PDB file of N, CA and C in Angstrom:
ATOM      1  N   MET A   1     -79.058-119.418 102.125  1.00  0.00           N
ATOM      2  CA  MET A   1     -78.679-118.988 100.795  1.00  0.00           C
ATOM      3  C   MET A   1     -79.867-118.294 100.136  1.00  0.00           C
ATOM      4  N   SER A   2     -79.627-117.207  99.536  1.00  0.00           N
ATOM      5  CA  SER A   2     -80.653-116.423  98.859  1.00  0.00           C
ATOM      6  C   SER A   2     -81.087-117.098  97.557  1.00  0.00           C
ATOM      7  N   GLN A   3     -82.354-116.896  97.171  1.00  0.00           N
ATOM      8  CA  GLN A   3     -82.855-117.412  95.897  1.00  0.00           C
ATOM      9  C   GLN A   3     -82.015-116.909  94.730  1.00  0.00           C
ATOM     10  N   LEU A   4     -81.446-115.721  94.875  1.00  0.00           N
ATOM     11  CA  LEU A   4     -80.642-115.152  93.795  1.00  0.00           C
ATOM     12  C   LEU A   4     -79.352-115.927  93.571  1.00  0.00           C
ATOM     13  N   ASN A   5     -78.903-116.671  94.579  1.00  0.00           N
ATOM     14  CA  ASN A   5     -77.671-117.430  94.465  1.00  0.00           C
ATOM     15  C   ASN A   5     -77.902-118.854  93.953  1.00  0.00           C
ATOM     16  N   ILE A   6     -79.139-119.227  93.741  1.00  0.00           N
ATOM     17  CA  ILE A   6     -79.449-120.566  93.255  1.00  0.00           C
ATOM     18  C   ILE A   6     -79.674-120.480  91.753  1.00  0.00           C
ATOM     19  N   ASP A   7     -78.988-121.340  91.010  1.00  0.00           N
ATOM     20  CA  ASP A   7     -79.099-121.252  89.557  1.00  0.00           C
ATOM     21  C   ASP A   7     -80.505-121.621  89.082  1.00  0.00           C
ATOM     22  N   PHE A   8     -80.840-121.153  87.891  1.00  0.00           N
ATOM     23  CA  PHE A   8     -82.175-121.323  87.340  1.00  0.00           C
ATOM     24  C   PHE A   8     -82.557-122.795  87.215  1.00  0.00           C
ATOM     25  N   ALA A   9     -81.679-123.625  86.737  1.00  0.00           N
ATOM     26  CA  ALA A   9     -81.988-125.050  86.553  1.00  0.00           C
ATOM     27  C   ALA A   9     -82.364-125.698  87.885  1.00  0.00           C
ATOM     28  N   THR A  10     -81.697-125.335  88.941  1.00  0.00           N
ATOM     29  CA  THR A  10     -82.011-125.889  90.260  1.00  0.00           C
ATOM     30  C   THR A  10     -83.383-125.411  90.714  1.00  0.00           C
ATOM     31  N   ARG A  11     -83.691-124.148  90.497  1.00  0.00           N
ATOM     32  CA  ARG A  11     -85.004-123.626  90.881  1.00  0.00           C
ATOM     33  C   ARG A  11     -86.117-124.309  90.101  1.00  0.00           C
ATOM     34  N   VAL A  12     -85.917-124.538  88.821  1.00  0.00           N
ATOM     35  CA  VAL A  12     -86.924-125.212  88.000  1.00  0.00           C
ATOM     36  C   VAL A  12     -87.100-126.653  88.472  1.00  0.00           C
ATOM     37  N   ARG A  13     -86.011-127.355  88.703  1.00  0.00           N
ATOM     38  CA  ARG A  13     -86.086-128.741  89.181  1.00  0.00           C
ATOM     39  C   ARG A  13     -86.832-128.816  90.504  1.00  0.00           C
ATOM     40  N   ASP A  14     -86.503-127.918  91.427  1.00  0.00           N
ATOM     41  CA  ASP A  14     -87.165-127.914  92.729  1.00  0.00           C
ATOM     42  C   ASP A  14     -88.651-127.573  92.597  1.00  0.00           C
ATOM     43  N   ALA A  15     -88.974-126.616  91.742  1.00  0.00           N
ATOM     44  CA  ALA A  15     -90.378-126.234  91.539  1.00  0.00           C
ATOM     45  C   ALA A  15     -91.166-127.402  90.951  1.00  0.00           C
ATOM     46  N   ARG A  16     -90.579-128.114  90.001  1.00  0.00           N
ATOM     47  CA  ARG A  16     -91.257-129.280  89.416  1.00  0.00           C
ATOM     48  C   ARG A  16     -91.482-130.355  90.473  1.00  0.00           C
ATOM     49  N   ALA A  17     -90.502-130.582  91.310  1.00  0.00           N
ATOM     50  CA  ALA A  17     -90.641-131.590  92.366  1.00  0.00           C
ATOM     51  C   ALA A  17     -91.775-131.231  93.320  1.00  0.00           C
ATOM     52  N   VAL A  18     -91.864-129.978  93.691  1.00  0.00           N
ATOM     53  CA  VAL A  18     -92.951-129.522  94.567  1.00  0.00           C
ATOM     54  C   VAL A  18     -94.292-129.704  93.864  1.00  0.00           C
ATOM     55  N   GLY A  19     -94.351-129.372  92.582  1.00  0.00           N
ATOM     56  CA  GLY A  19     -95.572-129.543  91.810  1.00  0.00           C
ATOM     57  C   GLY A  19     -95.998-130.998  91.707  1.00  0.00           C
ATOM     58  N   GLU A  20     -95.039-131.894  91.532  1.00  0.00           N
ATOM     59  CA  GLU A  20     -95.357-133.319  91.460  1.00  0.00           C
ATOM     60  C   GLU A  20     -95.935-133.822  92.778  1.00  0.00           C
ATOM     61  N   VAL A  21     -95.353-133.393  93.878  1.00  0.00           N
ATOM     62  CA  VAL A  21     -95.861-133.789  95.193  1.00  0.00           C
ATOM     63  C   VAL A  21     -97.275-133.246  95.391  1.00  0.00           C
ATOM     64  N   ALA A  22     -97.494-131.989  95.041  1.00  0.00           N
ATOM     65  CA  ALA A  22     -98.829-131.387  95.194  1.00  0.00           C
ATOM     66  C   ALA A  22     -99.852-132.132  94.337  1.00  0.00           C
ATOM     67  N   GLY A  23     -99.483-132.483  93.120  1.00  0.00           N
ATOM     68  CA  GLY A  23    -100.384-133.223  92.248  1.00  0.00           C
ATOM     69  C   GLY A  23    -100.715-134.597  92.798  1.00  0.00           C
ATOM     70  N   ASP A  24     -99.698-135.295  93.274  1.00  0.00           N
ATOM     71  CA  ASP A  24     -99.928-136.624  93.852  1.00  0.00           C
ATOM     72  C   ASP A  24    -100.827-136.550  95.082  1.00  0.00           C
ATOM     73  N   LEU A  25    -100.591-135.560  95.935  1.00  0.00           N
ATOM     74  CA  LEU A  25    -101.437-135.398  97.118  1.00  0.00           C
ATOM     75  C   LEU A  25    -102.877-135.080  96.727  1.00  0.00           C
ATOM     76  N   ALA A  26    -103.046-134.235  95.715  1.00  0.00           N
ATOM     77  CA  ALA A  26    -104.393-133.885  95.260  1.00  0.00           C
ATOM     78  C   ALA A  26    -105.094-135.101  94.648  1.00  0.00           C
ATOM     79  N   ALA A  27    -104.361-135.904  93.870  1.00  0.00           N
ATOM     80  CA  ALA A  27    -104.954-137.108  93.274  1.00  0.00           C
ATOM     81  C   ALA A  27    -105.307-138.129  94.353  1.00  0.00           C
ATOM     82  N   ASP A  28    -104.440-138.276  95.346  1.00  0.00           N
ATOM     83  CA  ASP A  28    -104.745-139.181  96.467  1.00  0.00           C
ATOM     84  C   ASP A  28    -106.024-138.730  97.176  1.00  0.00           C
ATOM     85  N   ARG A  29    -106.152-137.434  97.388  1.00  0.00           N
ATOM     86  CA  ARG A  29    -107.351-136.887  98.043  1.00  0.00           C
ATOM     87  C   ARG A  29    -108.594-137.154  97.188  1.00  0.00           C
ATOM     88  N   ALA A  30    -108.467-136.966  95.873  1.00  0.00           N
ATOM     89  CA  ALA A  30    -109.595-137.206  94.969  1.00  0.00           C
ATOM     90  C   ALA A  30    -110.042-138.658  95.044  1.00  0.00           C
ATOM     91  N   GLU A  31    -109.085-139.569  95.201  1.00  0.00           N
ATOM     92  CA  GLU A  31    -109.430-140.986  95.226  1.00  0.00           C
ATOM     93  C   GLU A  31    -110.056-141.430  96.547  1.00  0.00           C
ATOM     94  N   LYS A  32    -110.065-140.562  97.516  1.00  0.00           N
ATOM     95  CA  LYS A  32    -110.786-140.884  98.749  1.00  0.00           C
ATOM     96  C   LYS A  32    -112.292-140.841  98.525  1.00  0.00           C
ATOM     97  N   THR A  33    -112.745-139.988  97.612  1.00  0.00           N
ATOM     98  CA  THR A  33    -114.178-139.917  97.303  1.00  0.00           C
ATOM     99  C   THR A  33    -114.510-140.625  95.992  1.00  0.00           C
ATOM    100  N   ASP A  34    -113.535-140.747  95.093  1.00  0.00           N
ATOM    101  CA  ASP A  34    -113.725-141.451  93.817  1.00  0.00           C
ATOM    102  C   ASP A  34    -112.514-142.358  93.623  1.00  0.00           C
ATOM    103  N   PRO A  35    -112.596-143.624  94.078  1.00  0.00           N
ATOM    104  CA  PRO A  35    -111.449-144.530  94.003  1.00  0.00           C
ATOM    105  C   PRO A  35    -110.903-144.735  92.590  1.00  0.00           C
ATOM    106  N   PHE A  36    -111.695-144.408  91.582  1.00  0.00           N
ATOM    107  CA  PHE A  36    -111.268-144.604  90.203  1.00  0.00           C
ATOM    108  C   PHE A  36    -110.946-143.285  89.499  1.00  0.00           C
ATOM    109  N   PHE A  37    -110.683-142.240  90.293  1.00  0.00           N
ATOM    110  CA  PHE A  37    -110.428-140.924  89.709  1.00  0.00           C
ATOM    111  C   PHE A  37    -109.344-140.978  88.639  1.00  0.00           C
ATOM    112  N   ARG A  38    -108.170-141.508  88.964  1.00  0.00           N
ATOM    113  CA  ARG A  38    -107.057-141.499  88.004  1.00  0.00           C
ATOM    114  C   ARG A  38    -107.430-142.238  86.717  1.00  0.00           C
ATOM    115  N   THR A  39    -108.073-143.377  86.847  1.00  0.00           N
ATOM    116  CA  THR A  39    -108.453-144.165  85.677  1.00  0.00           C
ATOM    117  C   THR A  39    -109.489-143.427  84.840  1.00  0.00           C
ATOM    118  N   ARG A  40    -110.525-142.919  85.486  1.00  0.00           N
ATOM    119  CA  ARG A  40    -111.579-142.201  84.759  1.00  0.00           C
ATOM    120  C   ARG A  40    -111.025-140.944  84.092  1.00  0.00           C
ATOM    121  N   ALA A  41    -110.185-140.224  84.822  1.00  0.00           N
ATOM    122  CA  ALA A  41    -109.613-138.993  84.274  1.00  0.00           C
ATOM    123  C   ALA A  41    -108.702-139.296  83.086  1.00  0.00           C
ATOM    124  N   LEU A  42    -107.890-140.323  83.198  1.00  0.00           N
ATOM    125  CA  LEU A  42    -106.989-140.690  82.105  1.00  0.00           C
ATOM    126  C   LEU A  42    -107.782-141.056  80.851  1.00  0.00           C
ATOM    127  N   GLU A  43    -108.776-141.912  81.006  1.00  0.00           N
ATOM    128  CA  GLU A  43    -109.582-142.319  79.856  1.00  0.00           C
ATOM    129  C   GLU A  43    -110.286-141.117  79.225  1.00  0.00           C
ATOM    130  N   PHE A  44    -110.816-140.237  80.055  1.00  0.00           N
ATOM    131  CA  PHE A  44    -111.525-139.071  79.523  1.00  0.00           C
ATOM    132  C   PHE A  44    -110.567-138.131  78.798  1.00  0.00           C
ATOM    133  N   ILE A  45    -109.470-137.773  79.441  1.00  0.00           N
ATOM    134  CA  ILE A  45    -108.518-136.807  78.870  1.00  0.00           C
ATOM    135  C   ILE A  45    -107.985-137.314  77.528  1.00  0.00           C
ATOM    136  N   VAL A  46    -107.549-138.566  77.481  1.00  0.00           N
ATOM    137  CA  VAL A  46    -107.008-139.121  76.232  1.00  0.00           C
ATOM    138  C   VAL A  46    -108.096-139.165  75.159  1.00  0.00           C
ATOM    139  N   GLY A  47    -109.288-139.594  75.531  1.00  0.00           N
ATOM    140  CA  GLY A  47    -110.389-139.643  74.576  1.00  0.00           C
ATOM    141  C   GLY A  47    -110.768-138.264  74.058  1.00  0.00           C
ATOM    142  N   TYR A  48    -110.795-137.294  74.953  1.00  0.00           N
ATOM    143  CA  TYR A  48    -111.138-135.921  74.568  1.00  0.00           C
ATOM    144  C   TYR A  48    -110.116-135.370  73.581  1.00  0.00           C
ATOM    145  N   ILE A  49    -108.845-135.552  73.889  1.00  0.00           N
ATOM    146  CA  ILE A  49    -107.793-135.036  73.002  1.00  0.00           C
ATOM    147  C   ILE A  49    -107.856-135.741  71.650  1.00  0.00           C
ATOM    148  N   ARG A  50    -108.070-137.045  71.668  1.00  0.00           N
ATOM    149  CA  ARG A  50    -108.194-137.794  70.409  1.00  0.00           C
ATOM    150  C   ARG A  50    -109.377-137.267  69.597  1.00  0.00           C
ATOM    151  N   GLN A  51    -110.506-137.051  70.251  1.00  0.00           N
ATOM    152  CA  GLN A  51    -111.715-136.575  69.571  1.00  0.00           C
ATOM    153  C   GLN A  51    -111.521-135.175  68.994  1.00  0.00           C
ATOM    154  N   GLN A  52    -110.869-134.303  69.739  1.00  0.00           N
ATOM    155  CA  GLN A  52    -110.686-132.917  69.307  1.00  0.00           C
ATOM    156  C   GLN A  52    -109.591-132.772  68.245  1.00  0.00           C
ATOM    157  N   GLY A  53    -108.678-133.719  68.176  1.00  0.00           N
ATOM    158  CA  GLY A  53    -107.525-133.602  67.281  1.00  0.00           C
ATOM    159  C   GLY A  53    -106.369-132.919  67.988  1.00  0.00           C
ATOM    160  N   GLU A  54    -106.633-131.786  68.579  1.00  0.00           N
ATOM    161  CA  GLU A  54    -105.699-131.053  69.433  1.00  0.00           C
ATOM    162  C   GLU A  54    -106.516-130.407  70.534  1.00  0.00           C
ATOM    163  N   ALA A  55    -105.929-130.308  71.708  1.00  0.00           N
ATOM    164  CA  ALA A  55    -106.620-129.637  72.814  1.00  0.00           C
ATOM    165  C   ALA A  55    -105.593-129.132  73.807  1.00  0.00           C
ATOM    166  N   THR A  56    -105.919-128.017  74.432  1.00  0.00           N
ATOM    167  CA  THR A  56    -105.066-127.535  75.514  1.00  0.00           C
ATOM    168  C   THR A  56    -105.367-128.358  76.765  1.00  0.00           C
ATOM    169  N   GLY A  57    -104.411-128.382  77.668  1.00  0.00           N
ATOM    170  CA  GLY A  57    -104.638-129.062  78.934  1.00  0.00           C
ATOM    171  C   GLY A  57    -105.789-128.430  79.694  1.00  0.00           C
ATOM    172  N   GLU A  58    -105.879-127.109  79.647  1.00  0.00           N
ATOM    173  CA  GLU A  58    -106.964-126.433  80.354  1.00  0.00           C
ATOM    174  C   GLU A  58    -108.325-126.802  79.782  1.00  0.00           C
ATOM    175  N   SER A  59    -108.446-126.889  78.449  1.00  0.00           N
ATOM    176  CA  SER A  59    -109.747-127.224  77.873  1.00  0.00           C
ATOM    177  C   SER A  59    -110.113-128.678  78.151  1.00  0.00           C
ATOM    178  N   ALA A  60    -109.139-129.575  78.096  1.00  0.00           N
ATOM    179  CA  ALA A  60    -109.413-130.989  78.390  1.00  0.00           C
ATOM    180  C   ALA A  60    -109.795-131.166  79.854  1.00  0.00           C
ATOM    181  N   THR A  61    -109.106-130.467  80.736  1.00  0.00           N
ATOM    182  CA  THR A  61    -109.425-130.542  82.160  1.00  0.00           C
ATOM    183  C   THR A  61    -110.820-129.983  82.423  1.00  0.00           C
ATOM    184  N   GLN A  62    -111.140-128.853  81.822  1.00  0.00           N
ATOM    185  CA  GLN A  62    -112.465-128.259  82.015  1.00  0.00           C
ATOM    186  C   GLN A  62    -113.559-129.184  81.497  1.00  0.00           C
ATOM    187  N   ALA A  63    -113.310-129.836  80.365  1.00  0.00           N
ATOM    188  CA  ALA A  63    -114.291-130.782  79.821  1.00  0.00           C
ATOM    189  C   ALA A  63    -114.481-131.957  80.773  1.00  0.00           C
ATOM    190  N   ALA A  64    -113.406-132.426  81.380  1.00  0.00           N
ATOM    191  CA  ALA A  64    -113.503-133.522  82.353  1.00  0.00           C
ATOM    192  C   ALA A  64    -114.345-133.103  83.549  1.00  0.00           C
ATOM    193  N   VAL A  65    -114.114-131.899  84.048  1.00  0.00           N
ATOM    194  CA  VAL A  65    -114.877-131.390  85.189  1.00  0.00           C
ATOM    195  C   VAL A  65    -116.358-131.291  84.820  1.00  0.00           C
ATOM    196  N   LEU A  66    -116.644-130.770  83.642  1.00  0.00           N
ATOM    197  CA  LEU A  66    -118.041-130.650  83.196  1.00  0.00           C
ATOM    198  C   LEU A  66    -118.690-132.022  83.008  1.00  0.00           C
ATOM    199  N   ALA A  67    -117.865-133.038  82.721  1.00  0.00           N
ATOM    200  CA  ALA A  67    -118.385-134.400  82.551  1.00  0.00           C
ATOM    201  C   ALA A  67    -118.533-135.130  83.889  1.00  0.00           C
ATOM    202  N   GLY A  68    -118.213-134.423  84.989  1.00  0.00           N
ATOM    203  CA  GLY A  68    -118.401-135.011  86.312  1.00  0.00           C
ATOM    204  C   GLY A  68    -117.151-135.592  86.940  1.00  0.00           C
ATOM    205  N   ILE A  69    -116.017-135.446  86.289  1.00  0.00           N
ATOM    206  CA  ILE A  69    -114.740-135.892  86.873  1.00  0.00           C
ATOM    207  C   ILE A  69    -114.141-134.654  87.522  1.00  0.00           C
ATOM    208  N   SER A  70    -114.575-134.402  88.753  1.00  0.00           N
ATOM    209  CA  SER A  70    -114.319-133.120  89.388  1.00  0.00           C
ATOM    210  C   SER A  70    -113.692-133.302  90.768  1.00  0.00           C
ATOM    211  N   PRO A  71    -112.366-133.404  90.818  1.00  0.00           N
ATOM    212  CA  PRO A  71    -111.707-133.559  92.123  1.00  0.00           C
ATOM    213  C   PRO A  71    -111.794-132.274  92.932  1.00  0.00           C
ATOM    214  N   PRO A  72    -111.611-132.368  94.244  1.00  0.00           N
ATOM    215  CA  PRO A  72    -111.642-131.163  95.083  1.00  0.00           C
ATOM    216  C   PRO A  72    -110.570-130.142  94.696  1.00  0.00           C
ATOM    217  N   ASP A  73    -109.466-130.616  94.127  1.00  0.00           N
ATOM    218  CA  ASP A  73    -108.341-129.758  93.757  1.00  0.00           C
ATOM    219  C   ASP A  73    -107.916-130.176  92.349  1.00  0.00           C
ATOM    220  N   GLN A  74    -107.992-129.264  91.399  1.00  0.00           N
ATOM    221  CA  GLN A  74    -107.697-129.638  90.019  1.00  0.00           C
ATOM    222  C   GLN A  74    -106.235-129.988  89.767  1.00  0.00           C
ATOM    223  N   ARG A  75    -105.378-129.754  90.748  1.00  0.00           N
ATOM    224  CA  ARG A  75    -103.993-130.219  90.601  1.00  0.00           C
ATOM    225  C   ARG A  75    -103.936-131.739  90.519  1.00  0.00           C
ATOM    226  N   ALA A  76    -105.035-132.405  90.888  1.00  0.00           N
ATOM    227  CA  ALA A  76    -105.113-133.864  90.800  1.00  0.00           C
ATOM    228  C   ALA A  76    -104.965-134.345  89.353  1.00  0.00           C
ATOM    229  N   PHE A  77    -105.235-133.473  88.387  1.00  0.00           N
ATOM    230  CA  PHE A  77    -105.082-133.858  86.987  1.00  0.00           C
ATOM    231  C   PHE A  77    -103.615-133.916  86.563  1.00  0.00           C
ATOM    232  N   GLY A  78    -102.733-133.266  87.284  1.00  0.00           N
ATOM    233  CA  GLY A  78    -101.309-133.258  86.923  1.00  0.00           C
ATOM    234  C   GLY A  78    -100.726-134.654  86.746  1.00  0.00           C
ATOM    235  N   PRO A  79    -100.895-135.547  87.729  1.00  0.00           N
ATOM    236  CA  PRO A  79    -100.366-136.902  87.557  1.00  0.00           C
ATOM    237  C   PRO A  79    -101.036-137.662  86.413  1.00  0.00           C
ATOM    238  N   VAL A  80    -102.250-137.304  86.086  1.00  0.00           N
ATOM    239  CA  VAL A  80    -102.955-137.945  84.965  1.00  0.00           C
ATOM    240  C   VAL A  80    -102.261-137.581  83.656  1.00  0.00           C
ATOM    241  N   TYR A  81    -101.979-136.298  83.459  1.00  0.00           N
ATOM    242  CA  TYR A  81    -101.260-135.870  82.258  1.00  0.00           C
ATOM    243  C   TYR A  81     -99.857-136.472  82.229  1.00  0.00           C
ATOM    244  N   ALA A  82     -99.188-136.505  83.371  1.00  0.00           N
ATOM    245  CA  ALA A  82     -97.834-137.074  83.419  1.00  0.00           C
ATOM    246  C   ALA A  82     -97.846-138.536  82.982  1.00  0.00           C
ATOM    247  N   ARG A  83     -98.806-139.297  83.451  1.00  0.00           N
ATOM    248  CA  ARG A  83     -98.908-140.708  83.059  1.00  0.00           C
ATOM    249  C   ARG A  83     -99.221-140.850  81.574  1.00  0.00           C
ATOM    250  N   ALA A  84    -100.166-140.044  81.086  1.00  0.00           N
ATOM    251  CA  ALA A  84    -100.528-140.110  79.671  1.00  0.00           C
ATOM    252  C   ALA A  84     -99.323-139.791  78.778  1.00  0.00           C
ATOM    253  N   LEU A  85     -98.533-138.821  79.176  1.00  0.00           N
ATOM    254  CA  LEU A  85     -97.326-138.482  78.423  1.00  0.00           C
ATOM    255  C   LEU A  85     -96.299-139.614  78.497  1.00  0.00           C
ATOM    256  N   LYS A  86     -96.083-140.129  79.682  1.00  0.00           N
ATOM    257  CA  LYS A  86     -95.095-141.190  79.878  1.00  0.00           C
ATOM    258  C   LYS A  86     -95.450-142.437  79.071  1.00  0.00           C
ATOM    259  N   GLU A  87     -96.739-142.754  79.002  1.00  0.00           N
ATOM    260  CA  GLU A  87     -97.188-143.943  78.287  1.00  0.00           C
ATOM    261  C   GLU A  87     -97.377-143.697  76.790  1.00  0.00           C
ATOM    262  N   GLY A  88     -97.124-142.473  76.337  1.00  0.00           N
ATOM    263  CA  GLY A  88     -97.245-142.155  74.918  1.00  0.00           C
ATOM    264  C   GLY A  88     -98.671-142.029  74.429  1.00  0.00           C
ATOM    265  N   LEU A  89     -99.612-141.859  75.359  1.00  0.00           N
ATOM    266  CA  LEU A  89    -101.019-141.727  74.982  1.00  0.00           C
ATOM    267  C   LEU A  89    -101.335-140.355  74.417  1.00  0.00           C
ATOM    268  N   ILE A  90    -100.592-139.346  74.878  1.00  0.00           N
ATOM    269  CA  ILE A  90    -100.685-137.985  74.369  1.00  0.00           C
ATOM    270  C   ILE A  90     -99.277-137.460  74.195  1.00  0.00           C
ATOM    271  N   ARG A  91     -99.166-136.383  73.430  1.00  0.00           N
ATOM    272  CA  ARG A  91     -97.864-135.724  73.277  1.00  0.00           C
ATOM    273  C   ARG A  91     -98.072-134.219  73.195  1.00  0.00           C
ATOM    274  N   VAL A  92     -97.081-133.492  73.621  1.00  0.00           N
ATOM    275  CA  VAL A  92     -97.120-132.036  73.569  1.00  0.00           C
ATOM    276  C   VAL A  92     -96.718-131.607  72.160  1.00  0.00           C
ATOM    277  N   VAL A  93     -97.559-130.769  71.542  1.00  0.00           N
ATOM    278  CA  VAL A  93     -97.261-130.289  70.189  1.00  0.00           C
ATOM    279  C   VAL A  93     -97.094-128.771  70.138  1.00  0.00           C
ATOM    280  N   GLY A  94     -97.271-128.110  71.267  1.00  0.00           N
ATOM    281  CA  GLY A  94     -97.092-126.667  71.297  1.00  0.00           C
ATOM    282  C   GLY A  94     -97.405-126.094  72.662  1.00  0.00           C
ATOM    283  N   TYR A  95     -97.200-124.801  72.762  1.00  0.00           N
ATOM    284  CA  TYR A  95     -97.448-124.079  74.008  1.00  0.00           C
ATOM    285  C   TYR A  95     -98.357-122.900  73.709  1.00  0.00           C
ATOM    286  N   VAL A  96     -99.249-122.623  74.630  1.00  0.00           N
ATOM    287  CA  VAL A  96    -100.265-121.585  74.439  1.00  0.00           C
ATOM    288  C   VAL A  96    -100.380-120.743  75.703  1.00  0.00           C
ATOM    289  N   PRO A  97    -100.942-119.537  75.571  1.00  0.00           N
ATOM    290  CA  PRO A  97    -101.223-118.748  76.778  1.00  0.00           C
ATOM    291  C   PRO A  97    -102.238-119.485  77.651  1.00  0.00           C
ATOM    292  N   ARG A  98    -102.081-119.368  78.946  1.00  0.00           N
ATOM    293  CA  ARG A  98    -102.972-120.029  79.896  1.00  0.00           C
ATOM    294  C   ARG A  98    -104.164-119.138  80.207  1.00  0.00           C
ATOM    295  N   ALA A  99    -105.347-119.699  80.096  1.00  0.00           N
ATOM    296  CA  ALA A  99    -106.555-118.961  80.466  1.00  0.00           C
ATOM    297  C   ALA A  99    -106.567-118.706  81.969  1.00  0.00           C
ATOM    298  N   LYS A 100    -106.255-119.728  82.760  1.00  0.00           N
ATOM    299  CA  LYS A 100    -106.269-119.576  84.215  1.00  0.00           C
ATOM    300  C   LYS A 100    -105.036-118.827  84.718  1.00  0.00           C
ATOM    301  N   GLY A 101    -104.043-118.692  83.875  1.00  0.00           N
ATOM    302  CA  GLY A 101    -102.831-117.970  84.250  1.00  0.00           C
ATOM    303  C   GLY A 101    -102.840-116.543  83.746  1.00  0.00           C
ATOM    304  N   HIS A 102    -104.046-116.006  83.491  1.00  0.00           N
ATOM    305  CA  HIS A 102    -104.213-114.615  83.064  1.00  0.00           C
ATOM    306  C   HIS A 102    -103.413-114.319  81.793  1.00  0.00           C
ATOM    307  N   GLY A 103    -103.382-115.306  80.898  1.00  0.00           N
ATOM    308  CA  GLY A 103    -102.710-115.106  79.622  1.00  0.00           C
ATOM    309  C   GLY A 103    -101.215-115.352  79.641  1.00  0.00           C
ATOM    310  N   SER A 104    -100.677-115.770  80.789  1.00  0.00           N
ATOM    311  CA  SER A 104     -99.249-116.056  80.837  1.00  0.00           C
ATOM    312  C   SER A 104     -98.957-117.309  80.013  1.00  0.00           C
ATOM    313  N   MET A 105     -97.751-117.422  79.521  1.00  0.00           N
ATOM    314  CA  MET A 105     -97.382-118.595  78.727  1.00  0.00           C
ATOM    315  C   MET A 105     -97.206-119.803  79.654  1.00  0.00           C
ATOM    316  N   GLY A 106     -97.235-120.963  79.063  1.00  0.00           N
ATOM    317  CA  GLY A 106     -97.006-122.167  79.843  1.00  0.00           C
ATOM    318  C   GLY A 106     -98.076-123.216  79.667  1.00  0.00           C
ATOM    319  N   GLY A 107     -99.177-122.861  78.999  1.00  0.00           N
ATOM    320  CA  GLY A 107    -100.187-123.868  78.723  1.00  0.00           C
ATOM    321  C   GLY A 107     -99.681-124.796  77.627  1.00  0.00           C
ATOM    322  N   LYS A 108    -100.092-126.042  77.687  1.00  0.00           N
ATOM    323  CA  LYS A 108     -99.625-127.002  76.688  1.00  0.00           C
ATOM    324  C   LYS A 108    -100.772-127.387  75.754  1.00  0.00           C
ATOM    325  N   LEU A 109    -100.396-127.608  74.503  1.00  0.00           N
ATOM    326  CA  LEU A 109    -101.292-128.074  73.482  1.00  0.00           C
ATOM    327  C   LEU A 109    -100.939-129.532  73.201  1.00  0.00           C
ATOM    328  N   TYR A 110    -101.938-130.422  73.272  1.00  0.00           N
ATOM    329  CA  TYR A 110    -101.708-131.853  73.150  1.00  0.00           C
ATOM    330  C   TYR A 110    -102.384-132.422  71.908  1.00  0.00           C
ATOM    331  N   ARG A 111    -101.829-133.530  71.429  1.00  0.00           N
ATOM    332  CA  ARG A 111    -102.447-134.408  70.434  1.00  0.00           C
ATOM    333  C   ARG A 111    -102.337-135.824  70.976  1.00  0.00           C
ATOM    334  N   ALA A 112    -103.190-136.694  70.448  1.00  0.00           N
ATOM    335  CA  ALA A 112    -103.077-138.103  70.816  1.00  0.00           C
ATOM    336  C   ALA A 112    -101.706-138.600  70.386  1.00  0.00           C
ATOM    337  N   GLY A 113    -101.126-139.460  71.202  1.00  0.00           N
ATOM    338  CA  GLY A 113     -99.811-140.004  70.892  1.00  0.00           C
ATOM    339  C   GLY A 113     -99.903-141.275  70.081  1.00  0.00           C
ATOM    340  N   ARG A 114     -98.769-141.847  69.814  1.00  0.00           N
ATOM    341  CA  ARG A 114     -98.704-143.072  69.000  1.00  0.00           C
ATOM    342  C   ARG A 114     -99.427-144.220  69.682  1.00  0.00           C
ATOM    343  N   ALA A 115     -99.458-144.222  71.023  1.00  0.00           N
ATOM    344  CA  ALA A 115    -100.156-145.285  71.752  1.00  0.00           C
ATOM    345  C   ALA A 115    -101.635-144.952  71.933  1.00  0.00           C
ATOM    346  N   GLY A 116    -102.012-143.707  71.628  1.00  0.00           N
ATOM    347  CA  GLY A 116    -103.399-143.275  71.840  1.00  0.00           C
ATOM    348  C   GLY A 116    -104.145-143.332  70.575  1.00  0.00           C
TER     349      GLY A 116
END
């Protein structure tokens, strides 16, 4: 079946599933060299967003890398953001152009959540 015959919602769902798997694999790889990667990254990201008031995912991730939380593949941060969102530690308050995406839309702007 051609991609043109698959509805948009199915393509988005499938793309998200692939992204989740890639993020989990990257986080697992990061924990081979830093067993506490997920914990350290979560604490840093939530703290950074709380301190800044608002922050993009790209800026929070870059700050984590500069602070020494630097996995081999930055997709490892995906599950960290997913957990923070699920636990209400952060929340999405807007969307911004992505610096790493050459200005394409899709970047998220976060604030600390009710649990953060």
